[in-house]
C-alpha cells in the first residue's frame, strides 16, 4: 500500500508539473504571437512610409527635371535669338531681303 501511495503521489506531482509547463509554454507562445503580429504591423507601416517618401522624392525629381528642361530650352532659345540678331545685323540680310519683297 505504501508503494502504491508513493507511486500515485509521484504521478500526481509529475502531472502537476506537466500542467504547469504546458501553461507556461502556452503563455509564452501567446506573447510571442502577439510580438510577431506587432512586428508585422510595424514593418507594414515602415514600408508604407518608405514608399511614400520614395514617391515624394520621385515627384520632386520629375519637377526638377521639368524645371531644368524649361531653363535649358529658354536659354537655348535666347542664345539662338541673339545669334540670329547678330547674323542679321552683321550681314544686313534682313534689310536686303525686305527690300526685295
N, C-alpha and C. Protein backbone atom coordinates (compact mmCIF):
# COMPACT_ATOMS: atom_id res chain seq x y z
N UNK A 1 0.81 -1.19 0.00
CA UNK A 1 0.00 0.00 0.00
C UNK A 1 0.86 1.26 0.00
N UNK A 2 1.97 1.19 0.72
CA UNK A 2 2.85 2.35 0.76
C UNK A 2 3.43 2.64 -0.62
N UNK A 3 3.79 1.62 -1.32
CA UNK A 3 4.39 1.80 -2.65
C UNK A 3 3.34 2.36 -3.61
N UNK A 4 2.12 1.93 -3.52
CA UNK A 4 1.05 2.43 -4.37
C UNK A 4 0.80 3.90 -4.07
N UNK A 5 0.78 4.26 -2.80
CA UNK A 5 0.58 5.67 -2.44
C UNK A 5 1.74 6.53 -2.92
N UNK A 6 2.95 5.97 -2.77
CA UNK A 6 4.13 6.71 -3.23
C UNK A 6 4.09 6.91 -4.74
N UNK A 7 3.77 5.88 -5.48
CA UNK A 7 3.71 5.96 -6.95
C UNK A 7 2.60 6.93 -7.37
N UNK A 8 1.45 6.87 -6.72
CA UNK A 8 0.36 7.80 -7.05
C UNK A 8 0.77 9.25 -6.73
N UNK A 9 1.48 9.46 -5.66
CA UNK A 9 1.96 10.80 -5.30
C UNK A 9 2.95 11.34 -6.32
N UNK A 10 3.87 10.48 -6.73
CA UNK A 10 4.86 10.87 -7.75
C UNK A 10 4.15 11.18 -9.06
N UNK A 11 3.21 10.35 -9.44
CA UNK A 11 2.46 10.58 -10.69
C UNK A 11 1.66 11.89 -10.61
N UNK A 12 1.09 12.18 -9.41
CA UNK A 12 0.36 13.43 -9.24
C UNK A 12 1.29 14.63 -9.37
N UNK A 13 2.47 14.55 -8.82
CA UNK A 13 3.45 15.64 -8.94
C UNK A 13 3.89 15.81 -10.39
N UNK A 14 4.12 14.70 -11.06
CA UNK A 14 4.51 14.77 -12.48
C UNK A 14 3.39 15.38 -13.31
N UNK A 15 2.15 15.01 -13.02
CA UNK A 15 1.00 15.56 -13.76
C UNK A 15 0.89 17.07 -13.51
N UNK A 16 1.05 17.50 -12.27
CA UNK A 16 1.00 18.93 -11.96
C UNK A 16 2.14 19.68 -12.64
N UNK A 17 3.31 19.09 -12.68
CA UNK A 17 4.46 19.72 -13.35
C UNK A 17 4.20 19.86 -14.85
N UNK A 18 3.60 18.82 -15.43
CA UNK A 18 3.29 18.88 -16.87
C UNK A 18 2.23 19.95 -17.16
N UNK A 19 1.23 20.07 -16.29
CA UNK A 19 0.22 21.11 -16.46
C UNK A 19 0.85 22.49 -16.34
N UNK A 20 1.74 22.66 -15.36
CA UNK A 20 2.41 23.95 -15.18
C UNK A 20 3.28 24.29 -16.39
N UNK A 21 4.05 23.33 -16.86
CA UNK A 21 4.92 23.56 -18.02
C UNK A 21 4.09 23.87 -19.26
N UNK A 22 2.97 23.16 -19.44
CA UNK A 22 2.09 23.42 -20.58
C UNK A 22 1.52 24.84 -20.50
N UNK A 23 1.13 25.27 -19.30
CA UNK A 23 0.61 26.63 -19.13
C UNK A 23 1.66 27.67 -19.48
N UNK A 24 2.87 27.47 -18.99
CA UNK A 24 3.95 28.42 -19.27
C UNK A 24 4.23 28.46 -20.77
N UNK A 25 4.27 27.32 -21.41
CA UNK A 25 4.52 27.28 -22.85
C UNK A 25 3.39 27.97 -23.62
N UNK A 26 2.16 27.76 -23.19
CA UNK A 26 1.03 28.40 -23.86
C UNK A 26 1.12 29.92 -23.73
N UNK A 27 1.42 30.42 -22.54
CA UNK A 27 1.52 31.87 -22.33
C UNK A 27 2.68 32.46 -23.13
N UNK A 28 3.81 31.74 -23.14
CA UNK A 28 4.97 32.20 -23.91
C UNK A 28 4.64 32.25 -25.39
N UNK A 29 3.96 31.23 -25.89
CA UNK A 29 3.57 31.19 -27.30
C UNK A 29 2.61 32.33 -27.62
N UNK A 30 1.69 32.60 -26.71
CA UNK A 30 0.73 33.68 -26.91
C UNK A 30 1.45 35.04 -26.98
N UNK A 31 2.41 35.26 -26.08
CA UNK A 31 3.17 36.52 -26.07
C UNK A 31 4.00 36.64 -27.35
N UNK A 32 4.64 35.54 -27.76
CA UNK A 32 5.44 35.57 -28.98
C UNK A 32 4.58 35.86 -30.21
N UNK A 33 3.39 35.28 -30.28
CA UNK A 33 2.49 35.54 -31.41
C UNK A 33 2.10 37.01 -31.44
N UNK A 34 1.82 37.57 -30.27
CA UNK A 34 1.47 39.00 -30.21
C UNK A 34 2.65 39.86 -30.66
N UNK A 35 3.87 39.51 -30.25
CA UNK A 35 5.06 40.26 -30.67
C UNK A 35 5.26 40.17 -32.19
N UNK A 36 5.04 38.99 -32.74
CA UNK A 36 5.18 38.81 -34.19
C UNK A 36 4.15 39.65 -34.93
N UNK A 37 2.92 39.66 -34.44
CA UNK A 37 1.87 40.49 -35.06
C UNK A 37 2.25 41.97 -35.00
N UNK A 38 2.76 42.41 -33.86
CA UNK A 38 3.19 43.81 -33.73
C UNK A 38 4.33 44.14 -34.68
N UNK A 39 5.27 43.21 -34.85
CA UNK A 39 6.37 43.43 -35.79
C UNK A 39 5.87 43.50 -37.22
N UNK A 40 4.90 42.65 -37.57
CA UNK A 40 4.32 42.70 -38.91
C UNK A 40 3.64 44.04 -39.17
N UNK A 41 2.90 44.51 -38.19
CA UNK A 41 2.22 45.81 -38.33
C UNK A 41 3.25 46.93 -38.46
N UNK A 42 4.28 46.89 -37.62
CA UNK A 42 5.32 47.93 -37.66
C UNK A 42 6.06 47.90 -39.00
N UNK A 43 6.36 46.72 -39.50
CA UNK A 43 7.07 46.64 -40.78
C UNK A 43 6.19 47.12 -41.93
N UNK A 44 4.90 46.82 -41.85
CA UNK A 44 3.98 47.30 -42.88
C UNK A 44 3.93 48.82 -42.89
N UNK A 45 3.83 49.42 -41.69
CA UNK A 45 3.83 50.88 -41.62
C UNK A 45 5.16 51.45 -42.10
N UNK A 46 6.24 50.79 -41.75
CA UNK A 46 7.56 51.24 -42.21
C UNK A 46 7.67 51.21 -43.72
N UNK A 47 7.20 50.12 -44.34
CA UNK A 47 7.26 50.02 -45.80
C UNK A 47 6.37 51.08 -46.46
N UNK A 48 5.20 51.31 -45.88
CA UNK A 48 4.31 52.34 -46.44
C UNK A 48 4.97 53.70 -46.36
N UNK A 49 5.65 53.99 -45.25
CA UNK A 49 6.35 55.26 -45.10
C UNK A 49 7.48 55.38 -46.11
N UNK A 50 8.21 54.31 -46.31
CA UNK A 50 9.30 54.32 -47.30
C UNK A 50 8.75 54.55 -48.70
N UNK A 51 7.65 53.88 -49.05
CA UNK A 51 7.06 54.06 -50.38
C UNK A 51 6.56 55.49 -50.56
N UNK A 52 5.97 56.06 -49.49
CA UNK A 52 5.51 57.45 -49.57
C UNK A 52 6.69 58.40 -49.79
N UNK A 53 7.76 58.18 -49.06
CA UNK A 53 8.95 59.02 -49.23
C UNK A 53 9.53 58.85 -50.63
N UNK A 54 9.54 57.64 -51.13
CA UNK A 54 10.04 57.39 -52.48
C UNK A 54 9.20 58.11 -53.52
N UNK A 55 7.87 58.09 -53.36
CA UNK A 55 7.00 58.80 -54.29
C UNK A 55 7.25 60.30 -54.23
N UNK A 56 7.43 60.86 -53.02
CA UNK A 56 7.70 62.28 -52.89
C UNK A 56 9.02 62.65 -53.55
N UNK A 57 10.04 61.85 -53.34
CA UNK A 57 11.34 62.11 -53.96
C UNK A 57 11.23 62.01 -55.47
N UNK A 58 10.47 61.04 -55.94
CA UNK A 58 10.29 60.87 -57.39
C UNK A 58 9.56 62.08 -57.98
N UNK A 59 8.53 62.56 -57.30
CA UNK A 59 7.82 63.74 -57.78
C UNK A 59 8.72 64.97 -57.78
N UNK A 60 9.53 65.13 -56.74
CA UNK A 60 10.46 66.25 -56.68
C UNK A 60 11.48 66.16 -57.81
N UNK A 61 11.95 64.95 -58.08
CA UNK A 61 12.92 64.76 -59.16
C UNK A 61 12.30 65.10 -60.50
N UNK A 62 11.08 64.62 -60.75
CA UNK A 62 10.42 64.93 -62.02
C UNK A 62 10.18 66.43 -62.17
N UNK A 63 9.77 67.10 -61.10
CA UNK A 63 9.54 68.54 -61.20
C UNK A 63 10.85 69.27 -61.43
N UNK A 64 11.92 68.81 -60.80
CA UNK A 64 13.23 69.44 -61.01
C UNK A 64 13.70 69.21 -62.44
N UNK A 65 13.47 68.02 -62.98
CA UNK A 65 13.84 67.74 -64.37
C UNK A 65 13.06 68.66 -65.31
N UNK A 66 11.76 68.83 -65.07
CA UNK A 66 10.95 69.72 -65.90
C UNK A 66 11.46 71.16 -65.81
N UNK A 67 11.81 71.59 -64.60
CA UNK A 67 12.32 72.95 -64.41
C UNK A 67 13.63 73.16 -65.16
N UNK A 68 14.53 72.20 -65.05
CA UNK A 68 15.81 72.30 -65.75
C UNK A 68 15.60 72.27 -67.26
N UNK A 69 14.68 71.43 -67.71
CA UNK A 69 14.40 71.36 -69.14
C UNK A 69 13.87 72.70 -69.66
N UNK A 70 12.96 73.32 -68.90
CA UNK A 70 12.44 74.63 -69.30
C UNK A 70 13.54 75.67 -69.32
N UNK A 71 14.43 75.63 -68.34
CA UNK A 71 15.55 76.58 -68.30
C UNK A 71 16.49 76.38 -69.48
N UNK A 72 16.74 75.13 -69.82
CA UNK A 72 17.63 74.84 -70.96
C UNK A 72 16.99 75.33 -72.25
N UNK A 73 15.72 75.06 -72.43
CA UNK A 73 15.03 75.50 -73.65
C UNK A 73 15.02 77.03 -73.71
N UNK A 74 14.73 77.67 -72.61
CA UNK A 74 14.70 79.13 -72.57
C UNK A 74 16.08 79.71 -72.88
N UNK A 75 17.10 79.13 -72.28
CA UNK A 75 18.46 79.62 -72.51
C UNK A 75 18.88 79.41 -73.97
N UNK A 76 18.57 78.22 -74.49
CA UNK A 76 18.91 77.93 -75.88
C UNK A 76 18.16 78.86 -76.83
N UNK A 77 16.88 79.07 -76.55
CA UNK A 77 16.09 79.98 -77.37
C UNK A 77 16.66 81.39 -77.35
N UNK A 78 17.05 81.84 -76.18
CA UNK A 78 17.64 83.17 -76.04
C UNK A 78 18.94 83.27 -76.84
N UNK A 79 19.76 82.25 -76.74
CA UNK A 79 21.04 82.26 -77.48
C UNK A 79 20.81 82.23 -78.99
N UNK A 80 19.83 81.46 -79.43
CA UNK A 80 19.53 81.39 -80.86
C UNK A 80 19.03 82.75 -81.35
N UNK A 81 18.18 83.41 -80.55
CA UNK A 81 17.70 84.74 -80.91
C UNK A 81 18.86 85.74 -81.00
N UNK A 82 19.76 85.69 -80.05
CA UNK A 82 20.92 86.60 -80.08
C UNK A 82 21.79 86.34 -81.30
N UNK A 83 21.99 85.04 -81.60
CA UNK A 83 22.79 84.70 -82.77
C UNK A 83 22.11 85.16 -84.04
N UNK A 84 20.81 84.97 -84.11
CA UNK A 84 20.05 85.40 -85.28
C UNK A 84 20.15 86.91 -85.46
N UNK A 85 20.01 87.65 -84.38
CA UNK A 85 20.14 89.10 -84.46
C UNK A 85 21.54 89.52 -84.88
N UNK A 86 22.54 88.83 -84.37
CA UNK A 86 23.91 89.16 -84.74
C UNK A 86 24.15 88.87 -86.22
N UNK A 87 23.66 87.74 -86.70
CA UNK A 87 23.83 87.38 -88.11
C UNK A 87 23.12 88.42 -88.98
N UNK A 88 21.90 88.77 -88.61
CA UNK A 88 21.15 89.75 -89.39
C UNK A 88 21.84 91.11 -89.37
N UNK A 89 22.36 91.51 -88.23
CA UNK A 89 22.99 92.83 -88.15
C UNK A 89 24.34 92.84 -88.86
N UNK A 90 25.09 91.75 -88.75
CA UNK A 90 26.41 91.71 -89.39
C UNK A 90 26.30 91.61 -90.91
N UNK A 91 25.38 90.84 -91.38
CA UNK A 91 25.29 90.63 -92.82
C UNK A 91 24.23 91.50 -93.49
N UNK A 92 23.45 92.17 -92.69
CA UNK A 92 22.38 93.03 -93.19
C UNK A 92 21.44 92.25 -94.11
N UNK A 93 21.22 91.01 -93.74
CA UNK A 93 20.36 90.13 -94.54
C UNK A 93 18.91 90.56 -94.42
N UNK A 94 18.53 90.93 -93.28
CA UNK A 94 17.13 91.24 -93.05
C UNK A 94 16.69 92.43 -93.90
N UNK A 95 17.49 93.45 -93.96
CA UNK A 95 17.12 94.65 -94.73
C UNK A 95 17.14 94.36 -96.23
N UNK A 96 18.11 93.60 -96.64
CA UNK A 96 18.22 93.29 -98.05
C UNK A 96 17.03 92.45 -98.50
N UNK A 97 16.65 91.48 -97.71
CA UNK A 97 15.53 90.63 -98.08
C UNK A 97 14.22 91.41 -98.05
N UNK A 98 14.06 92.30 -97.09
CA UNK A 98 12.80 93.02 -97.01
C UNK A 98 12.66 94.00 -98.19
N UNK A 99 13.74 94.52 -98.73
CA UNK A 99 13.66 95.42 -99.88
C UNK A 99 13.26 94.67 -101.15
N UNK A 100 13.65 93.42 -101.25
CA UNK A 100 13.29 92.64 -102.44
C UNK A 100 11.82 92.35 -102.49
N UNK A 101 11.19 92.22 -101.39
CA UNK A 101 9.77 91.88 -101.37
C UNK A 101 9.00 93.12 -101.47
